[in-house]
Amino acid sequence: MRYLLTLLILMGLTLAQDLYTEFIRSQVKEIPLHKAIVVGKGKKRELISFINPDCGHCRKEWQALRPHLDKVKIYIFLLPFKHFPESYAKSYYIACSKDRLKALDEVLSGRFDGKPPAVKDCPLVYEHIKVAERLNVQGTPYNIILGKYKVIEGYSPMLLKELGIE
């Protein structure tokens, strides 16, 4: 009887995980990847990442991912904090920059902390915010590993392992 109960519990967990994966897969279909800021050259490993330029965990994650851009392609969506105008200016700077990778490096290294770049609004940032709202993304970093359709909320050293990098 105990074996049967254990088996039923495991089957239920597997079914729940399968349903969750299918839910994430359906959500990913709704994400306009062509509007993302795309960095990296990976063909087998792809990641959707919602970040905030002032988020310490996002910065830590970027430091971990940055050396592996030859192995992973990242679709970045910027999500500035509502009550922090600096994060909007930094997001505009990244989104409308000609060299977005350089802009990401500059902003996420803290170069503009306390002295945000003087830039105009960038409509792409508002499109990123809409995508995050549709997905109900509440915090950053928020990552979806494509292929596995696995969500990792917050900074986790396991991200590189899940991506098959480490």
C-alpha atoms as a PDB file:
ATOM      1  CA  MET A   1       0.000   0.000   0.000  1.00  0.00           C
ATOM      2  CA  ARG A   2       2.818   2.386   0.896  1.00  0.00           C
ATOM      3  CA  TYR A   3       4.452   1.694  -2.504  1.00  0.00           C
ATOM      4  CA  LEU A   4       1.192   2.442  -4.310  1.00  0.00           C
ATOM      5  CA  LEU A   5       0.746   5.695  -2.394  1.00  0.00           C
ATOM      6  CA  THR A   6       4.324   6.749  -3.182  1.00  0.00           C
ATOM      7  CA  LEU A   7       3.780   5.913  -6.838  1.00  0.00           C
ATOM      8  CA  LEU A   8       0.578   7.959  -6.977  1.00  0.00           C
ATOM      9  CA  ILE A   9       2.288  10.939  -5.346  1.00  0.00           C
ATOM     10  CA  LEU A  10       5.176  10.749  -7.816  1.00  0.00           C
ATOM     11  CA  MET A  11       2.760  10.474 -10.736  1.00  0.00           C
ATOM     12  CA  GLY A  12       0.894  13.519  -9.432  1.00  0.00           C
ATOM     13  CA  LEU A  13       4.137  15.492  -9.141  1.00  0.00           C
ATOM     14  CA  THR A  14       5.148  14.477 -12.654  1.00  0.00           C
ATOM     15  CA  LEU A  15       1.740  15.466 -14.008  1.00  0.00           C
ATOM     16  CA  ALA A  16       1.880  18.801 -12.185  1.00  0.00           C
ATOM     17  CA  GLN A  17       5.377  19.464 -13.551  1.00  0.00           C
ATOM     18  CA  ASP A  18       4.243  18.536 -17.085  1.00  0.00           C
ATOM     19  CA  LEU A  19       1.256  20.892 -16.806  1.00  0.00           C
ATOM     20  CA  TYR A  20       3.473  23.697 -15.518  1.00  0.00           C
ATOM     21  CA  THR A  21       5.949  23.159 -18.362  1.00  0.00           C
ATOM     22  CA  GLU A  22       3.091  23.293 -20.873  1.00  0.00           C
ATOM     23  CA  PHE A  23       1.817  26.483 -19.246  1.00  0.00           C
ATOM     24  CA  ILE A  24       5.264  28.112 -19.567  1.00  0.00           C
ATOM     25  CA  ARG A  25       5.551  26.870 -23.165  1.00  0.00           C
ATOM     26  CA  SER A  26       2.207  28.535 -23.991  1.00  0.00           C
ATOM     27  CA  GLN A  27       3.322  31.772 -22.321  1.00  0.00           C
ATOM     28  CA  VAL A  28       6.584  31.800 -24.278  1.00  0.00           C
ATOM     29  CA  LYS A  29       4.600  31.649 -27.519  1.00  0.00           C
ATOM     30  CA  GLU A  30       3.073  34.996 -26.529  1.00  0.00           C
ATOM     31  CA  ILE A  31       6.427  36.720 -25.988  1.00  0.00           C
ATOM     32  CA  PRO A  32       7.472  38.890 -28.956  1.00  0.00           C
ATOM     33  CA  LEU A  33      11.122  37.823 -29.029  1.00  0.00           C
ATOM     34  CA  HIS A  34      11.751  40.154 -31.970  1.00  0.00           C
ATOM     35  CA  LYS A  35      11.284  43.063 -29.537  1.00  0.00           C
ATOM     36  CA  ALA A  36      13.880  41.780 -27.082  1.00  0.00           C
ATOM     37  CA  ILE A  37      17.427  43.017 -26.799  1.00  0.00           C
ATOM     38  CA  VAL A  38      19.319  40.021 -28.109  1.00  0.00           C
ATOM     39  CA  VAL A  39      22.868  39.306 -27.009  1.00  0.00           C
ATOM     40  CA  GLY A  40      24.996  36.220 -27.404  1.00  0.00           C
ATOM     41  CA  LYS A  41      25.600  33.749 -30.165  1.00  0.00           C
ATOM     42  CA  GLY A  42      24.497  30.466 -28.639  1.00  0.00           C
ATOM     43  CA  LYS A  43      22.470  28.281 -30.946  1.00  0.00           C
ATOM     44  CA  LYS A  44      21.619  25.444 -28.580  1.00  0.00           C
ATOM     45  CA  ARG A  45      21.109  27.463 -25.405  1.00  0.00           C
ATOM     46  CA  GLU A  46      18.582  30.277 -25.265  1.00  0.00           C
ATOM     47  CA  LEU A  47      17.316  32.301 -22.350  1.00  0.00           C
ATOM     48  CA  ILE A  48      14.616  34.915 -21.898  1.00  0.00           C
ATOM     49  CA  SER A  49      15.598  37.273 -19.106  1.00  0.00           C
ATOM     50  CA  PHE A  50      13.656  40.133 -17.525  1.00  0.00           C
ATOM     51  CA  ILE A  51      16.071  42.485 -15.798  1.00  0.00           C
ATOM     52  CA  ASN A  52      16.161  45.834 -14.069  1.00  0.00           C
ATOM     53  CA  PRO A  53      19.289  47.960 -14.509  1.00  0.00           C
ATOM     54  CA  ASP A  54      19.407  48.835 -10.797  1.00  0.00           C
ATOM     55  CA  CYS A  55      18.773  45.309  -9.518  1.00  0.00           C
ATOM     56  CA  GLY A  56      21.797  43.948  -7.668  1.00  0.00           C
ATOM     57  CA  HIS A  57      20.839  40.353  -8.418  1.00  0.00           C
ATOM     58  CA  CYS A  58      20.443  41.190 -12.122  1.00  0.00           C
ATOM     59  CA  ARG A  59      23.937  42.646 -12.101  1.00  0.00           C
ATOM     60  CA  LYS A  60      25.345  39.565 -10.405  1.00  0.00           C
ATOM     61  CA  GLU A  61      23.587  37.341 -12.937  1.00  0.00           C
ATOM     62  CA  TRP A  62      24.957  39.432 -15.825  1.00  0.00           C
ATOM     63  CA  GLN A  63      28.493  38.990 -14.454  1.00  0.00           C
ATOM     64  CA  ALA A  64      27.936  35.221 -14.439  1.00  0.00           C
ATOM     65  CA  LEU A  65      26.393  35.103 -17.939  1.00  0.00           C
ATOM     66  CA  ARG A  66      28.589  37.678 -19.702  1.00  0.00           C
ATOM     67  CA  PRO A  67      31.634  35.398 -20.222  1.00  0.00           C
ATOM     68  CA  HIS A  68      29.403  32.779 -21.870  1.00  0.00           C
ATOM     69  CA  LEU A  69      27.779  34.833 -24.619  1.00  0.00           C
ATOM     70  CA  ASP A  70      29.486  32.599 -27.173  1.00  0.00           C
ATOM     71  CA  LYS A  71      27.445  29.679 -25.781  1.00  0.00           C
ATOM     72  CA  VAL A  72      24.075  31.254 -24.994  1.00  0.00           C
ATOM     73  CA  LYS A  73      21.670  33.635 -26.710  1.00  0.00           C
ATOM     74  CA  ILE A  74      19.804  35.884 -24.293  1.00  0.00           C
ATOM     75  CA  TYR A  75      16.572  37.699 -25.084  1.00  0.00           C
ATOM     76  CA  ILE A  76      16.557  40.586 -22.628  1.00  0.00           C
ATOM     77  CA  PHE A  77      13.466  42.518 -21.594  1.00  0.00           C
ATOM     78  CA  LEU A  78      14.018  45.610 -19.471  1.00  0.00           C
ATOM     79  CA  LEU A  79      11.785  46.155 -16.494  1.00  0.00           C
ATOM     80  CA  PRO A  80      12.537  49.472 -14.751  1.00  0.00           C
ATOM     81  CA  PHE A  81      11.281  49.991 -11.207  1.00  0.00           C
ATOM     82  CA  LYS A  82       8.246  52.294 -11.094  1.00  0.00           C
ATOM     83  CA  HIS A  83       9.468  54.502  -8.262  1.00  0.00           C
ATOM     84  CA  PHE A  84      13.087  54.791  -9.389  1.00  0.00           C
ATOM     85  CA  PRO A  85      13.499  57.253 -12.265  1.00  0.00           C
ATOM     86  CA  GLU A  86      17.163  56.300 -12.661  1.00  0.00           C
ATOM     87  CA  SER A  87      16.165  52.811 -13.738  1.00  0.00           C
ATOM     88  CA  TYR A  88      14.009  54.296 -16.521  1.00  0.00           C
ATOM     89  CA  ALA A  89      16.854  56.468 -17.834  1.00  0.00           C
ATOM     90  CA  LYS A  90      19.219  53.496 -17.744  1.00  0.00           C
ATOM     91  CA  SER A  91      16.656  51.302 -19.500  1.00  0.00           C
ATOM     92  CA  TYR A  92      16.150  53.938 -22.222  1.00  0.00           C
ATOM     93  CA  TYR A  93      19.909  54.157 -22.649  1.00  0.00           C
ATOM     94  CA  ILE A  94      20.232  50.399 -23.135  1.00  0.00           C
ATOM     95  CA  ALA A  95      17.181  49.941 -25.342  1.00  0.00           C
ATOM     96  CA  CYS A  96      17.881  52.782 -27.759  1.00  0.00           C
ATOM     97  CA  SER A  97      21.660  52.472 -27.857  1.00  0.00           C
ATOM     98  CA  LYS A  98      23.353  51.569 -31.139  1.00  0.00           C
ATOM     99  CA  ASP A  99      25.645  49.200 -29.244  1.00  0.00           C
ATOM    100  CA  ARG A 100      23.300  47.534 -26.782  1.00  0.00           C
ATOM    101  CA  LEU A 101      25.883  45.080 -25.474  1.00  0.00           C
ATOM    102  CA  LYS A 102      28.219  47.931 -24.564  1.00  0.00           C
ATOM    103  CA  ALA A 103      25.298  49.808 -22.981  1.00  0.00           C
ATOM    104  CA  LEU A 104      24.352  46.723 -20.932  1.00  0.00           C
ATOM    105  CA  ASP A 105      27.947  46.395 -19.735  1.00  0.00           C
ATOM    106  CA  GLU A 106      28.138  50.068 -18.787  1.00  0.00           C
ATOM    107  CA  VAL A 107      24.815  50.172 -16.944  1.00  0.00           C
ATOM    108  CA  LEU A 108      25.120  46.817 -15.198  1.00  0.00           C
ATOM    109  CA  SER A 109      28.662  47.624 -14.055  1.00  0.00           C
ATOM    110  CA  GLY A 110      27.268  50.644 -12.173  1.00  0.00           C
ATOM    111  CA  ARG A 111      28.840  53.302 -14.389  1.00  0.00           C
ATOM    112  CA  PHE A 112      25.676  55.436 -14.276  1.00  0.00           C
ATOM    113  CA  ASP A 113      24.738  54.904 -10.637  1.00  0.00           C
ATOM    114  CA  GLY A 114      23.845  58.265  -9.112  1.00  0.00           C
ATOM    115  CA  LYS A 115      24.303  59.985 -12.465  1.00  0.00           C
ATOM    116  CA  PRO A 116      21.879  58.461 -14.985  1.00  0.00           C
ATOM    117  CA  PRO A 117      22.434  59.117 -18.671  1.00  0.00           C
ATOM    118  CA  ALA A 118      20.543  62.068 -20.133  1.00  0.00           C
ATOM    119  CA  VAL A 119      18.496  60.312 -22.798  1.00  0.00           C
ATOM    120  CA  LYS A 120      15.023  60.601 -24.273  1.00  0.00           C
ATOM    121  CA  ASP A 121      12.259  58.102 -23.603  1.00  0.00           C
ATOM    122  CA  CYS A 122      12.628  54.936 -25.624  1.00  0.00           C
ATOM    123  CA  PRO A 123       9.309  53.370 -26.710  1.00  0.00           C
ATOM    124  CA  LEU A 124      10.853  49.889 -26.689  1.00  0.00           C
ATOM    125  CA  VAL A 125      11.089  50.015 -22.890  1.00  0.00           C
ATOM    126  CA  TYR A 126       7.313  50.460 -22.630  1.00  0.00           C
ATOM    127  CA  GLU A 127       6.822  47.452 -24.897  1.00  0.00           C
ATOM    128  CA  HIS A 128       9.074  45.425 -22.587  1.00  0.00           C
ATOM    129  CA  ILE A 129       7.019  46.544 -19.585  1.00  0.00           C
ATOM    130  CA  LYS A 130       3.812  45.404 -21.334  1.00  0.00           C
ATOM    131  CA  VAL A 131       5.319  41.971 -21.994  1.00  0.00           C
ATOM    132  CA  ALA A 132       6.286  41.665 -18.318  1.00  0.00           C
ATOM    133  CA  GLU A 133       2.796  42.711 -17.224  1.00  0.00           C
ATOM    134  CA  ARG A 134       1.146  40.143 -19.527  1.00  0.00           C
ATOM    135  CA  LEU A 135       3.322  37.444 -17.976  1.00  0.00           C
ATOM    136  CA  ASN A 136       2.770  38.831 -14.475  1.00  0.00           C
ATOM    137  CA  VAL A 137       6.504  39.182 -13.880  1.00  0.00           C
ATOM    138  CA  GLN A 138       6.770  40.742 -10.425  1.00  0.00           C
ATOM    139  CA  GLY A 139      10.495  40.734  -9.769  1.00  0.00           C
ATOM    140  CA  THR A 140      13.857  40.585 -11.435  1.00  0.00           C
ATOM    141  CA  PRO A 141      15.758  38.741 -12.596  1.00  0.00           C
ATOM    142  CA  TYR A 142      13.096  36.494 -14.075  1.00  0.00           C
ATOM    143  CA  ASN A 143      14.426  33.866 -16.455  1.00  0.00           C
ATOM    144  CA  ILE A 144      12.866  31.322 -18.776  1.00  0.00           C
ATOM    145  CA  ILE A 145      15.180  28.695 -20.200  1.00  0.00           C
ATOM    146  CA  LEU A 146      13.955  27.963 -23.706  1.00  0.00           C
ATOM    147  CA  GLY A 147      13.777  24.327 -24.698  1.00  0.00           C
ATOM    148  CA  LYS A 148      13.328  23.220 -21.102  1.00  0.00           C
ATOM    149  CA  TYR A 149      10.655  25.865 -20.430  1.00  0.00           C
ATOM    150  CA  LYS A 150      11.988  26.182 -16.938  1.00  0.00           C
ATOM    151  CA  VAL A 151      11.537  29.371 -14.917  1.00  0.00           C
ATOM    152  CA  ILE A 152      14.213  30.595 -12.526  1.00  0.00           C
ATOM    153  CA  GLU A 153      13.119  33.589 -10.470  1.00  0.00           C
ATOM    154  CA  GLY A 154      15.808  35.638  -8.792  1.00  0.00           C
ATOM    155  CA  TYR A 155      19.530  35.167  -9.103  1.00  0.00           C
ATOM    156  CA  SER A 156      20.606  31.561  -8.866  1.00  0.00           C
ATOM    157  CA  PRO A 157      24.039  30.059  -9.422  1.00  0.00           C
ATOM    158  CA  MET A 158      22.081  27.066 -10.781  1.00  0.00           C
ATOM    159  CA  LEU A 159      21.188  29.082 -13.911  1.00  0.00           C
ATOM    160  CA  LEU A 160      24.481  28.261 -15.622  1.00  0.00           C
ATOM    161  CA  LYS A 161      24.078  24.605 -14.709  1.00  0.00           C
ATOM    162  CA  GLU A 162      20.510  24.541 -16.055  1.00  0.00           C
ATOM    163  CA  LEU A 163      21.765  26.138 -19.268  1.00  0.00           C
ATOM    164  CA  GLY A 164      24.394  23.390 -19.553  1.00  0.00           C
ATOM    165  CA  ILE A 165      27.278  25.855 -19.344  1.00  0.00           C
ATOM    166  CA  GLU A 166      28.782  24.668 -16.045  1.00  0.00           C
END
